[in-house]
Amino acid sequence: MATLEEVKKLIAQRDDVDKQIAEQEQVLKDNGVDMKTPLVDGEGFPLANVDVYSIRHARQTLICARNDRQKLTDQIEAMMLELHANARQNAPLTRPSDEEEQPVHRTSNRPFARVDKVLPLSPAQHSGLKDGDHIVQFGSLHAANFADMAQFTNVVQNSIGVWLKKIRVTVLRDGRAQRMELTPQQWSGRGVLGCSVLPLTSSQVV
């Protein structure tokens, strides 16, 4: 029987594969080529202005890594479906409460992090998040108790469960507070949110 810990381990493995893919894609980008760009000239000689060996190695690594990623994604989706099916069979009549769902009392709308990039069709986009949003609240996190980005990871990981628990998010956009709910979950892209978040320095807080 699948367990949530096993799912989290597979997600971590896929994140590592994503990093490897990004590194090899950068090799191709640095050489101005893609997966199909010819590496020989019209006379059949290797191009002199690119690192042919590095490009070939990057292409082969990308093929393997993308296959590995798809296999991991298939495993994750299958295990999540199994977890959800088991949860429905064993679910109580009412959803259990937890501390993440308790009211969060913050004393200001001071942002502490910024949404850097929201990927199309991602859970983040479906929730309403946009590039450049300044985060005022993320689950139980706010400016008064935020210390480092590891806390973001904890909030997200605690929400990846059989209930697909929603994270309450408040952001500042054009000077106005916007409230939304974000549900971390598997989708066709990377991660379970589909967005990157960066901490704000004191000089960036407005």
N, C-alpha and C. Protein backbone atom coordinates (compact mmCIF):
# COMPACT_ATOMS: atom_id res chain seq x y z
N MET A 1 0.84 -1.20 0.00
CA MET A 1 0.00 0.00 0.00
C MET A 1 0.87 1.25 0.00
N ALA A 2 0.52 2.19 -0.83
CA ALA A 2 1.29 3.43 -0.93
C ALA A 2 1.15 4.26 0.34
N THR A 3 2.21 4.97 0.69
CA THR A 3 2.18 5.87 1.84
C THR A 3 2.55 7.27 1.40
N LEU A 4 2.15 8.25 2.20
CA LEU A 4 2.45 9.64 1.87
C LEU A 4 3.96 9.89 1.87
N GLU A 5 4.69 9.23 2.77
CA GLU A 5 6.14 9.40 2.83
C GLU A 5 6.80 8.91 1.54
N GLU A 6 6.29 7.81 1.00
CA GLU A 6 6.83 7.30 -0.26
C GLU A 6 6.58 8.30 -1.40
N VAL A 7 5.41 8.91 -1.39
CA VAL A 7 5.10 9.92 -2.41
C VAL A 7 6.05 11.10 -2.30
N LYS A 8 6.29 11.56 -1.08
CA LYS A 8 7.18 12.70 -0.87
C LYS A 8 8.60 12.38 -1.35
N LYS A 9 9.05 11.14 -1.12
CA LYS A 9 10.38 10.75 -1.57
C LYS A 9 10.46 10.77 -3.10
N LEU A 10 9.41 10.29 -3.75
CA LEU A 10 9.39 10.31 -5.21
C LEU A 10 9.37 11.74 -5.75
N ILE A 11 8.63 12.61 -5.07
CA ILE A 11 8.60 14.02 -5.49
C ILE A 11 9.98 14.64 -5.35
N ALA A 12 10.69 14.30 -4.26
CA ALA A 12 12.04 14.82 -4.06
C ALA A 12 12.98 14.30 -5.16
N GLN A 13 12.82 13.02 -5.52
CA GLN A 13 13.64 12.46 -6.60
C GLN A 13 13.35 13.18 -7.92
N ARG A 14 12.08 13.46 -8.17
CA ARG A 14 11.74 14.15 -9.41
C ARG A 14 12.28 15.57 -9.42
N ASP A 15 12.29 16.22 -8.27
CA ASP A 15 12.87 17.56 -8.18
C ASP A 15 14.35 17.53 -8.54
N ASP A 16 15.05 16.47 -8.09
CA ASP A 16 16.47 16.32 -8.44
C ASP A 16 16.64 16.13 -9.95
N VAL A 17 15.76 15.35 -10.54
CA VAL A 17 15.81 15.14 -11.99
C VAL A 17 15.54 16.45 -12.72
N ASP A 18 14.61 17.25 -12.19
CA ASP A 18 14.31 18.55 -12.80
C ASP A 18 15.54 19.45 -12.80
N LYS A 19 16.30 19.41 -11.72
CA LYS A 19 17.53 20.21 -11.65
C LYS A 19 18.53 19.75 -12.71
N GLN A 20 18.64 18.43 -12.87
CA GLN A 20 19.55 17.88 -13.88
C GLN A 20 19.10 18.30 -15.28
N ILE A 21 17.81 18.25 -15.53
CA ILE A 21 17.28 18.67 -16.83
C ILE A 21 17.60 20.14 -17.09
N ALA A 22 17.39 20.98 -16.09
CA ALA A 22 17.66 22.41 -16.24
C ALA A 22 19.13 22.67 -16.54
N GLU A 23 20.02 21.93 -15.88
CA GLU A 23 21.46 22.10 -16.10
C GLU A 23 21.84 21.74 -17.54
N GLN A 24 21.31 20.63 -18.03
CA GLN A 24 21.66 20.20 -19.39
C GLN A 24 21.01 21.10 -20.45
N GLU A 25 19.81 21.58 -20.16
CA GLU A 25 19.18 22.53 -21.09
C GLU A 25 20.00 23.81 -21.18
N GLN A 26 20.63 24.19 -20.07
CA GLN A 26 21.47 25.39 -20.07
C GLN A 26 22.70 25.18 -20.94
N VAL A 27 23.25 23.95 -20.94
CA VAL A 27 24.40 23.64 -21.79
C VAL A 27 24.04 23.88 -23.26
N LEU A 28 22.87 23.39 -23.65
CA LEU A 28 22.43 23.59 -25.04
C LEU A 28 22.22 25.07 -25.33
N LYS A 29 21.60 25.76 -24.38
CA LYS A 29 21.35 27.20 -24.57
C LYS A 29 22.64 27.98 -24.71
N ASP A 30 23.64 27.63 -23.89
CA ASP A 30 24.93 28.33 -23.95
C ASP A 30 25.62 28.15 -25.30
N ASN A 31 25.34 27.03 -25.94
CA ASN A 31 25.94 26.76 -27.25
C ASN A 31 25.04 27.19 -28.41
N GLY A 32 23.88 27.74 -28.09
CA GLY A 32 22.98 28.22 -29.13
C GLY A 32 22.35 27.13 -29.96
N VAL A 33 22.12 25.95 -29.35
CA VAL A 33 21.52 24.84 -30.09
C VAL A 33 20.35 24.27 -29.29
N ASP A 34 19.59 23.38 -29.95
CA ASP A 34 18.55 22.64 -29.25
C ASP A 34 18.78 21.15 -29.49
N MET A 35 17.76 20.34 -29.26
CA MET A 35 17.93 18.90 -29.38
C MET A 35 18.09 18.44 -30.83
N LYS A 36 17.73 19.29 -31.80
CA LYS A 36 17.75 18.87 -33.20
C LYS A 36 18.73 19.63 -34.07
N THR A 37 19.40 20.62 -33.51
CA THR A 37 20.33 21.43 -34.31
C THR A 37 21.48 20.56 -34.85
N PRO A 38 21.75 20.58 -36.17
CA PRO A 38 22.87 19.81 -36.72
C PRO A 38 24.20 20.26 -36.11
N LEU A 39 25.10 19.31 -35.88
CA LEU A 39 26.40 19.62 -35.29
C LEU A 39 27.53 19.49 -36.29
N VAL A 40 27.18 19.33 -37.56
CA VAL A 40 28.20 19.26 -38.61
C VAL A 40 27.86 20.29 -39.69
N ASP A 41 28.88 20.71 -40.42
CA ASP A 41 28.65 21.69 -41.49
C ASP A 41 28.21 20.98 -42.77
N GLY A 42 28.10 21.73 -43.84
CA GLY A 42 27.64 21.17 -45.10
C GLY A 42 28.53 20.09 -45.66
N GLU A 43 29.80 20.08 -45.23
CA GLU A 43 30.75 19.07 -45.73
C GLU A 43 30.90 17.91 -44.77
N GLY A 44 30.11 17.91 -43.70
CA GLY A 44 30.15 16.79 -42.77
C GLY A 44 31.16 16.92 -41.65
N PHE A 45 31.79 18.08 -41.52
CA PHE A 45 32.77 18.28 -40.45
C PHE A 45 32.09 18.87 -39.22
N PRO A 46 32.55 18.50 -38.01
CA PRO A 46 31.98 19.07 -36.78
C PRO A 46 32.10 20.59 -36.77
N LEU A 47 31.06 21.24 -36.28
CA LEU A 47 31.07 22.70 -36.19
C LEU A 47 32.19 23.15 -35.26
N ALA A 48 32.88 24.20 -35.65
CA ALA A 48 34.04 24.66 -34.88
C ALA A 48 33.65 25.64 -33.78
N ASN A 49 32.46 26.21 -33.86
CA ASN A 49 32.09 27.27 -32.91
C ASN A 49 31.24 26.78 -31.74
N VAL A 50 31.09 25.46 -31.61
CA VAL A 50 30.34 24.90 -30.49
C VAL A 50 31.11 23.74 -29.88
N ASP A 51 30.77 23.41 -28.63
CA ASP A 51 31.38 22.28 -27.94
C ASP A 51 30.57 21.03 -28.27
N VAL A 52 30.96 20.35 -29.34
CA VAL A 52 30.19 19.22 -29.85
C VAL A 52 30.06 18.11 -28.80
N TYR A 53 31.15 17.81 -28.11
CA TYR A 53 31.10 16.74 -27.11
C TYR A 53 30.10 17.06 -26.00
N SER A 54 30.16 18.29 -25.48
CA SER A 54 29.26 18.68 -24.39
C SER A 54 27.80 18.66 -24.85
N ILE A 55 27.58 19.07 -26.09
CA ILE A 55 26.21 19.09 -26.61
C ILE A 55 25.66 17.68 -26.74
N ARG A 56 26.48 16.77 -27.29
CA ARG A 56 26.02 15.39 -27.44
C ARG A 56 25.76 14.74 -26.08
N HIS A 57 26.65 15.02 -25.14
CA HIS A 57 26.47 14.48 -23.79
C HIS A 57 25.20 15.05 -23.15
N ALA A 58 24.97 16.35 -23.32
CA ALA A 58 23.78 16.99 -22.75
C ALA A 58 22.51 16.41 -23.36
N ARG A 59 22.53 16.20 -24.67
CA ARG A 59 21.35 15.65 -25.34
C ARG A 59 21.03 14.25 -24.83
N GLN A 60 22.05 13.41 -24.71
CA GLN A 60 21.83 12.05 -24.24
C GLN A 60 21.33 12.05 -22.80
N THR A 61 21.93 12.92 -21.98
CA THR A 61 21.50 13.02 -20.58
C THR A 61 20.06 13.49 -20.49
N LEU A 62 19.69 14.46 -21.33
CA LEU A 62 18.32 14.97 -21.33
C LEU A 62 17.31 13.90 -21.71
N ILE A 63 17.64 13.10 -22.71
CA ILE A 63 16.73 12.02 -23.12
C ILE A 63 16.47 11.08 -21.96
N CYS A 64 17.55 10.67 -21.29
CA CYS A 64 17.42 9.75 -20.16
C CYS A 64 16.67 10.40 -19.00
N ALA A 65 17.02 11.66 -18.69
CA ALA A 65 16.41 12.36 -17.56
C ALA A 65 14.92 12.58 -17.79
N ARG A 66 14.55 12.94 -19.01
CA ARG A 66 13.13 13.17 -19.29
C ARG A 66 12.33 11.88 -19.20
N ASN A 67 12.95 10.77 -19.62
CA ASN A 67 12.29 9.47 -19.47
C ASN A 67 12.13 9.13 -18.00
N ASP A 68 13.19 9.38 -17.21
CA ASP A 68 13.12 9.12 -15.77
C ASP A 68 12.04 9.97 -15.12
N ARG A 69 11.95 11.23 -15.55
CA ARG A 69 10.94 12.12 -14.97
C ARG A 69 9.53 11.63 -15.25
N GLN A 70 9.30 11.16 -16.46
CA GLN A 70 7.98 10.67 -16.81
C GLN A 70 7.62 9.44 -15.99
N LYS A 71 8.60 8.55 -15.79
CA LYS A 71 8.36 7.35 -14.98
C LYS A 71 8.02 7.73 -13.54
N LEU A 72 8.76 8.71 -12.99
CA LEU A 72 8.49 9.16 -11.62
C LEU A 72 7.11 9.80 -11.53
N THR A 73 6.76 10.61 -12.53
CA THR A 73 5.45 11.25 -12.54
C THR A 73 4.34 10.21 -12.57
N ASP A 74 4.51 9.18 -13.39
CA ASP A 74 3.51 8.11 -13.47
C ASP A 74 3.38 7.41 -12.12
N GLN A 75 4.52 7.14 -11.46
CA GLN A 75 4.48 6.50 -10.15
C GLN A 75 3.77 7.37 -9.12
N ILE A 76 4.11 8.66 -9.13
CA ILE A 76 3.51 9.59 -8.17
C ILE A 76 2.00 9.65 -8.37
N GLU A 77 1.57 9.78 -9.62
CA GLU A 77 0.14 9.88 -9.90
C GLU A 77 -0.59 8.61 -9.48
N ALA A 78 0.01 7.45 -9.74
CA ALA A 78 -0.61 6.19 -9.37
C ALA A 78 -0.73 6.06 -7.85
N MET A 79 0.32 6.46 -7.14
CA MET A 79 0.30 6.37 -5.68
C MET A 79 -0.67 7.36 -5.07
N MET A 80 -0.76 8.57 -5.66
CA MET A 80 -1.72 9.55 -5.16
C MET A 80 -3.16 9.06 -5.36
N LEU A 81 -3.42 8.44 -6.50
CA LEU A 81 -4.75 7.89 -6.74
C LEU A 81 -5.08 6.80 -5.72
N GLU A 82 -4.08 5.97 -5.40
CA GLU A 82 -4.28 4.93 -4.40
C GLU A 82 -4.56 5.53 -3.03
N LEU A 83 -3.79 6.56 -2.67
CA LEU A 83 -4.00 7.23 -1.39
C LEU A 83 -5.40 7.84 -1.32
N HIS A 84 -5.82 8.48 -2.39
CA HIS A 84 -7.14 9.11 -2.40
C HIS A 84 -8.25 8.07 -2.29
N ALA A 85 -8.07 6.94 -2.99
CA ALA A 85 -9.07 5.88 -2.93
C ALA A 85 -9.17 5.31 -1.52
N ASN A 86 -8.03 5.10 -0.88
CA ASN A 86 -8.03 4.59 0.49
C ASN A 86 -8.66 5.59 1.45
N ALA A 87 -8.39 6.88 1.20
CA ALA A 87 -8.93 7.93 2.06
C ALA A 87 -10.45 7.97 1.97
N ARG A 88 -10.97 7.83 0.75
CA ARG A 88 -12.42 7.85 0.59
C ARG A 88 -13.08 6.67 1.29
N GLN A 89 -12.41 5.52 1.25
CA GLN A 89 -12.97 4.33 1.89
C GLN A 89 -12.98 4.45 3.41
N ASN A 90 -11.94 5.11 3.94
CA ASN A 90 -11.79 5.19 5.39
C ASN A 90 -12.17 6.55 5.96
N ALA A 91 -12.72 7.42 5.13
CA ALA A 91 -12.96 8.80 5.56
C ALA A 91 -14.08 8.87 6.58
N PRO A 92 -13.91 9.69 7.63
CA PRO A 92 -15.01 9.97 8.55
C PRO A 92 -16.03 10.86 7.87
N LEU A 93 -17.18 11.07 8.51
CA LEU A 93 -18.23 11.88 7.91
C LEU A 93 -17.82 13.32 7.75
N THR A 94 -16.97 13.81 8.64
CA THR A 94 -16.49 15.19 8.54
C THR A 94 -15.00 15.19 8.42
N ARG A 95 -14.49 16.17 7.74
CA ARG A 95 -13.05 16.29 7.55
C ARG A 95 -12.38 16.68 8.86
N PRO A 96 -11.27 16.03 9.25
CA PRO A 96 -10.61 16.38 10.49
C PRO A 96 -10.02 17.77 10.43
N SER A 97 -10.07 18.45 11.57
CA SER A 97 -9.47 19.78 11.63
C SER A 97 -8.02 19.66 12.02
N ASP A 98 -7.24 20.69 11.74
CA ASP A 98 -5.83 20.71 12.12
C ASP A 98 -5.43 22.15 12.32
N GLU A 99 -4.23 22.35 12.85
CA GLU A 99 -3.82 23.68 13.22
C GLU A 99 -3.63 24.58 12.01
N GLU A 100 -3.37 24.01 10.84
CA GLU A 100 -3.21 24.85 9.66
C GLU A 100 -4.51 25.55 9.31
N GLU A 101 -5.66 24.96 9.74
CA GLU A 101 -6.94 25.54 9.40
C GLU A 101 -7.44 26.50 10.47
N GLN A 102 -6.74 26.60 11.58
CA GLN A 102 -7.13 27.55 12.60
C GLN A 102 -6.86 28.97 12.11
N PRO A 103 -7.64 29.94 12.57
CA PRO A 103 -7.41 31.33 12.15
C PRO A 103 -5.99 31.78 12.46
N VAL A 104 -5.39 32.48 11.52
CA VAL A 104 -4.04 33.02 11.70
C VAL A 104 -4.17 34.51 12.01
N HIS A 105 -3.62 34.90 13.14
CA HIS A 105 -3.73 36.30 13.56
C HIS A 105 -2.42 37.02 13.27
N ARG A 106 -2.43 37.85 12.26
CA ARG A 106 -1.26 38.65 11.94
C ARG A 106 -1.58 40.11 12.25
N THR A 107 -0.56 40.88 12.52
CA THR A 107 -0.76 42.25 12.97
C THR A 107 -0.61 43.28 11.86
N SER A 108 -0.20 42.86 10.67
CA SER A 108 -0.02 43.82 9.59
C SER A 108 -0.12 43.12 8.24
N ASN A 109 -0.13 43.91 7.19
CA ASN A 109 -0.10 43.38 5.82
C ASN A 109 1.30 43.52 5.23
N ARG A 110 2.31 43.41 6.08
CA ARG A 110 3.69 43.53 5.61
C ARG A 110 4.09 42.26 4.86
N PRO A 111 4.48 42.35 3.60
CA PRO A 111 4.87 41.16 2.84
C PRO A 111 6.24 40.65 3.28
N PHE A 112 6.46 39.36 3.07
CA PHE A 112 7.75 38.77 3.45
C PHE A 112 8.35 37.92 2.33
N ALA A 113 7.61 37.74 1.24
CA ALA A 113 8.11 36.95 0.11
C ALA A 113 7.43 37.43 -1.17
N ARG A 114 8.02 37.05 -2.29
CA ARG A 114 7.51 37.49 -3.59
C ARG A 114 7.37 36.30 -4.53
N VAL A 115 6.27 36.27 -5.25
CA VAL A 115 6.08 35.25 -6.28
C VAL A 115 6.91 35.65 -7.49
N ASP A 116 7.88 34.82 -7.83
CA ASP A 116 8.82 35.17 -8.90
C ASP A 116 8.30 34.75 -10.27
N LYS A 117 7.76 33.55 -10.37
CA LYS A 117 7.33 33.04 -11.67
C LYS A 117 6.21 32.03 -11.49
N VAL A 118 5.09 32.26 -12.15
CA VAL A 118 3.96 31.33 -12.12
C VAL A 118 3.87 30.64 -13.48
N LEU A 119 3.91 29.31 -13.48
CA LEU A 119 3.87 28.55 -14.73
C LEU A 119 2.43 28.39 -15.23
N PRO A 120 2.24 28.42 -16.54
CA PRO A 120 0.89 28.26 -17.10
C PRO A 120 0.27 26.92 -16.72
N LEU A 121 -1.03 26.93 -16.43
CA LEU A 121 -1.83 25.74 -16.14
C LEU A 121 -1.44 25.06 -14.83
N SER A 122 -0.66 25.74 -14.01
CA SER A 122 -0.20 25.17 -12.74
C SER A 122 -1.23 25.39 -11.64
N PRO A 123 -1.10 24.65 -10.51
CA PRO A 123 -1.96 24.92 -9.36
C PRO A 123 -1.88 26.38 -8.91
N ALA A 124 -0.68 26.96 -8.98
CA ALA A 124 -0.52 28.36 -8.58
C ALA A 124 -1.34 29.28 -9.47
N GLN A 125 -1.30 29.03 -10.78
CA GLN A 125 -2.08 29.88 -11.69
C GLN A 125 -3.57 29.70 -11.46
N HIS A 126 -4.00 28.46 -11.25
CA HIS A 126 -5.42 28.21 -11.01
C HIS A 126 -5.91 28.89 -9.73
N SER A 127 -5.02 29.05 -8.76
CA SER A 127 -5.41 29.70 -7.50
C SER A 127 -5.58 31.20 -7.67
N GLY A 128 -4.96 31.76 -8.72
CA GLY A 128 -5.03 33.19 -8.94
C GLY A 128 -3.73 33.93 -8.71
N LEU A 129 -2.67 33.22 -8.30
CA LEU A 129 -1.37 33.87 -8.09
C LEU A 129 -0.81 34.39 -9.41
N LYS A 130 -0.10 35.52 -9.32
CA LYS A 130 0.52 36.12 -10.50
C LYS A 130 1.96 36.50 -10.21
N ASP A 131 2.77 36.57 -11.26
CA ASP A 131 4.15 37.02 -11.12
C ASP A 131 4.19 38.37 -10.41
N GLY A 132 5.09 38.49 -9.44
CA GLY A 132 5.27 39.77 -8.76
C GLY A 132 4.38 39.98 -7.55
N ASP A 133 3.44 39.07 -7.29
CA ASP A 133 2.62 39.20 -6.08
C ASP A 133 3.51 39.18 -4.84
N HIS A 134 3.24 40.05 -3.89
CA HIS A 134 3.95 40.07 -2.62
C HIS A 134 3.12 39.32 -1.59
N ILE A 135 3.72 38.29 -1.01
CA ILE A 135 2.98 37.40 -0.11
C ILE A 135 2.94 37.98 1.30
N VAL A 136 1.71 38.13 1.81
CA VAL A 136 1.49 38.63 3.17
C VAL A 136 1.24 37.46 4.12
N GLN A 137 0.55 36.45 3.63
CA GLN A 137 0.27 35.26 4.43
C GLN A 137 0.31 34.03 3.53
N PHE A 138 0.92 32.96 4.04
CA PHE A 138 0.99 31.70 3.31
C PHE A 138 0.72 30.60 4.31
N GLY A 139 -0.53 30.13 4.38
CA GLY A 139 -0.89 29.19 5.43
C GLY A 139 -0.74 29.86 6.78
N SER A 140 0.09 29.29 7.64
CA SER A 140 0.32 29.85 8.97
C SER A 140 1.43 30.88 8.98
N LEU A 141 2.10 31.08 7.85
CA LEU A 141 3.25 31.99 7.80
C LEU A 141 2.84 33.43 7.53
N HIS A 142 3.50 34.35 8.23
CA HIS A 142 3.35 35.78 7.97
C HIS A 142 4.64 36.45 8.39
N ALA A 143 4.74 37.75 8.20
CA ALA A 143 6.00 38.46 8.42
C ALA A 143 6.54 38.30 9.83
N ALA A 144 5.65 38.19 10.81
CA ALA A 144 6.09 38.13 12.20
C ALA A 144 6.72 36.79 12.58
N ASN A 145 6.38 35.71 11.86
CA ASN A 145 6.94 34.41 12.24
C ASN A 145 7.79 33.77 11.14
N PHE A 146 7.96 34.47 10.01
CA PHE A 146 8.75 33.91 8.92
C PHE A 146 10.24 34.07 9.20
N ALA A 147 10.99 32.95 9.02
CA ALA A 147 12.44 32.98 9.24
C ALA A 147 13.22 32.60 7.99
N ASP A 148 12.80 31.53 7.30
CA ASP A 148 13.50 31.11 6.09
C ASP A 148 12.56 30.31 5.19
N MET A 149 13.06 30.02 3.98
CA MET A 149 12.21 29.37 2.98
C MET A 149 11.88 27.93 3.32
N ALA A 150 12.62 27.34 4.27
CA ALA A 150 12.30 25.98 4.68
C ALA A 150 10.89 25.90 5.26
N GLN A 151 10.43 27.00 5.84
CA GLN A 151 9.07 27.03 6.39
C GLN A 151 8.03 26.91 5.28
N PHE A 152 8.31 27.50 4.12
CA PHE A 152 7.42 27.35 2.97
C PHE A 152 7.29 25.87 2.61
N THR A 153 8.45 25.21 2.54
CA THR A 153 8.45 23.79 2.18
C THR A 153 7.62 22.98 3.16
N ASN A 154 7.75 23.29 4.45
CA ASN A 154 7.00 22.56 5.47
C ASN A 154 5.50 22.74 5.30
N VAL A 155 5.07 23.97 5.05
CA VAL A 155 3.65 24.23 4.85
C VAL A 155 3.12 23.45 3.65
N VAL A 156 3.90 23.47 2.56
CA VAL A 156 3.48 22.76 1.35
C VAL A 156 3.44 21.26 1.58
N GLN A 157 4.50 20.71 2.19
CA GLN A 157 4.56 19.27 2.42
C GLN A 157 3.43 18.80 3.32
N ASN A 158 3.08 19.61 4.32
CA ASN A 158 1.99 19.24 5.22
C ASN A 158 0.63 19.30 4.55
N SER A 159 0.58 19.94 3.39
CA SER A 159 -0.69 20.05 2.66
C SER A 159 -0.81 19.01 1.56
N ILE A 160 0.27 18.28 1.30
CA ILE A 160 0.23 17.21 0.29
C ILE A 160 -0.19 15.94 1.00
N GLY A 161 -1.46 15.72 1.08
CA GLY A 161 -1.95 14.54 1.78
C GLY A 161 -3.19 14.01 1.12
N VAL A 162 -3.81 13.10 1.79
CA VAL A 162 -4.98 12.46 1.21
C VAL A 162 -6.13 13.43 1.05
N TRP A 163 -6.10 14.54 1.79
CA TRP A 163 -7.20 15.50 1.69
C TRP A 163 -6.91 16.60 0.68
N LEU A 164 -5.71 16.66 0.13
CA LEU A 164 -5.33 17.76 -0.75
C LEU A 164 -5.73 19.09 -0.12
N LYS A 165 -5.21 19.31 1.07
CA LYS A 165 -5.59 20.48 1.86
C LYS A 165 -5.20 21.79 1.20
N LYS A 166 -6.10 22.74 1.21
CA LYS A 166 -5.85 24.04 0.60
C LYS A 166 -5.04 24.92 1.55
N ILE A 167 -4.15 25.73 0.96
CA ILE A 167 -3.37 26.70 1.72
C ILE A 167 -3.98 28.07 1.49
N ARG A 168 -4.33 28.73 2.58
CA ARG A 168 -4.86 30.09 2.46
C ARG A 168 -3.71 31.06 2.21
N VAL A 169 -3.84 31.86 1.16
CA VAL A 169 -2.78 32.78 0.76
C VAL A 169 -3.36 34.19 0.63
N THR A 170 -2.63 35.16 1.17
CA THR A 170 -2.98 36.57 0.98
C THR A 170 -1.78 37.27 0.36
N VAL A 171 -2.02 38.01 -0.71
CA VAL A 171 -0.93 38.73 -1.38
C VAL A 171 -1.31 40.20 -1.54
N LEU A 172 -0.29 41.01 -1.72
CA LEU A 172 -0.50 42.40 -2.10
C LEU A 172 -0.24 42.53 -3.59
N ARG A 173 -1.23 43.09 -4.30
CA ARG A 173 -1.11 43.29 -5.74
C ARG A 173 -1.61 44.69 -6.06
N ASP A 174 -0.73 45.51 -6.58
CA ASP A 174 -1.08 46.90 -6.87
C ASP A 174 -1.59 47.62 -5.62
N GLY A 175 -0.98 47.27 -4.47
CA GLY A 175 -1.31 47.94 -3.23
C GLY A 175 -2.56 47.42 -2.54
N ARG A 176 -3.21 46.42 -3.11
CA ARG A 176 -4.43 45.89 -2.52
C ARG A 176 -4.25 44.42 -2.13
N ALA A 177 -4.88 44.05 -1.00
CA ALA A 177 -4.80 42.67 -0.54
C ALA A 177 -5.71 41.78 -1.37
N GLN A 178 -5.17 40.65 -1.80
CA GLN A 178 -5.94 39.66 -2.56
C GLN A 178 -5.86 38.34 -1.81
N ARG A 179 -6.99 37.71 -1.57
CA ARG A 179 -7.03 36.43 -0.86
C ARG A 179 -7.39 35.31 -1.81
N MET A 180 -6.73 34.17 -1.64
CA MET A 180 -6.99 33.02 -2.50
C MET A 180 -6.63 31.74 -1.77
N GLU A 181 -6.97 30.62 -2.37
CA GLU A 181 -6.64 29.31 -1.80
C GLU A 181 -5.83 28.52 -2.82
N LEU A 182 -4.73 27.95 -2.35
CA LEU A 182 -3.80 27.22 -3.21
C LEU A 182 -3.75 25.76 -2.78
N THR A 183 -3.96 24.85 -3.71
CA THR A 183 -3.94 23.42 -3.40
C THR A 183 -2.73 22.76 -4.05
N PRO A 184 -1.68 22.42 -3.27
CA PRO A 184 -0.52 21.72 -3.84
C PRO A 184 -0.94 20.35 -4.36
N GLN A 185 -0.57 20.05 -5.59
CA GLN A 185 -0.91 18.74 -6.15
C GLN A 185 -0.09 18.48 -7.41
N GLN A 186 -0.08 17.24 -7.82
CA GLN A 186 0.64 16.87 -9.03
C GLN A 186 -0.08 17.44 -10.24
N TRP A 187 0.71 17.89 -11.22
CA TRP A 187 0.16 18.38 -12.47
C TRP A 187 1.15 18.04 -13.57
N SER A 188 0.98 18.54 -14.76
CA SER A 188 1.83 18.14 -15.88
C SER A 188 3.22 18.76 -15.83
N GLY A 189 3.42 19.80 -15.02
CA GLY A 189 4.72 20.47 -14.95
C GLY A 189 5.50 20.10 -13.71
N ARG A 190 6.45 20.98 -13.35
CA ARG A 190 7.36 20.70 -12.25
C ARG A 190 6.76 21.09 -10.91
N GLY A 191 7.15 20.32 -9.88
CA GLY A 191 6.74 20.64 -8.53
C GLY A 191 5.26 20.39 -8.29
N VAL A 192 4.76 20.86 -7.14
CA VAL A 192 3.36 20.68 -6.79
C VAL A 192 2.62 22.02 -6.72
N LEU A 193 3.36 23.12 -6.91
CA LEU A 193 2.73 24.45 -6.95
C LEU A 193 2.78 25.06 -8.34
N GLY A 194 3.92 24.86 -9.01
CA GLY A 194 4.08 25.47 -10.33
C GLY A 194 4.43 26.94 -10.26
N CYS A 195 5.14 27.31 -9.20
CA CYS A 195 5.60 28.69 -9.09
C CYS A 195 6.86 28.72 -8.24
N SER A 196 7.64 29.77 -8.39
CA SER A 196 8.81 29.96 -7.54
C SER A 196 8.56 31.15 -6.64
N VAL A 197 9.06 31.05 -5.41
CA VAL A 197 8.86 32.09 -4.40
C VAL A 197 10.20 32.50 -3.83
N LEU A 198 10.43 33.79 -3.72
CA LEU A 198 11.69 34.32 -3.19
C LEU A 198 11.41 35.16 -1.96
N PRO A 199 12.31 35.09 -0.96
CA PRO A 199 12.12 35.94 0.23
C PRO A 199 12.40 37.39 -0.11
N LEU A 200 11.71 38.29 0.55
CA LEU A 200 11.95 39.72 0.38
C LEU A 200 12.98 40.20 1.39
N THR A 201 13.93 40.99 0.95
CA THR A 201 14.84 41.64 1.88
C THR A 201 14.16 42.88 2.43
N SER A 202 14.70 43.43 3.50
CA SER A 202 14.08 44.59 4.12
C SER A 202 14.00 45.77 3.16
N SER A 203 14.97 45.87 2.24
CA SER A 203 14.97 46.99 1.29
C SER A 203 13.92 46.83 0.21
N GLN A 204 13.41 45.58 0.04
CA GLN A 204 12.41 45.34 -0.99
C GLN A 204 10.99 45.48 -0.46
N VAL A 205 10.84 45.50 0.84
CA VAL A 205 9.51 45.59 1.44
C VAL A 205 8.97 46.99 1.26
N VAL A 206 7.75 47.08 0.71
CA VAL A 206 7.15 48.40 0.47
C VAL A 206 5.83 48.51 1.22
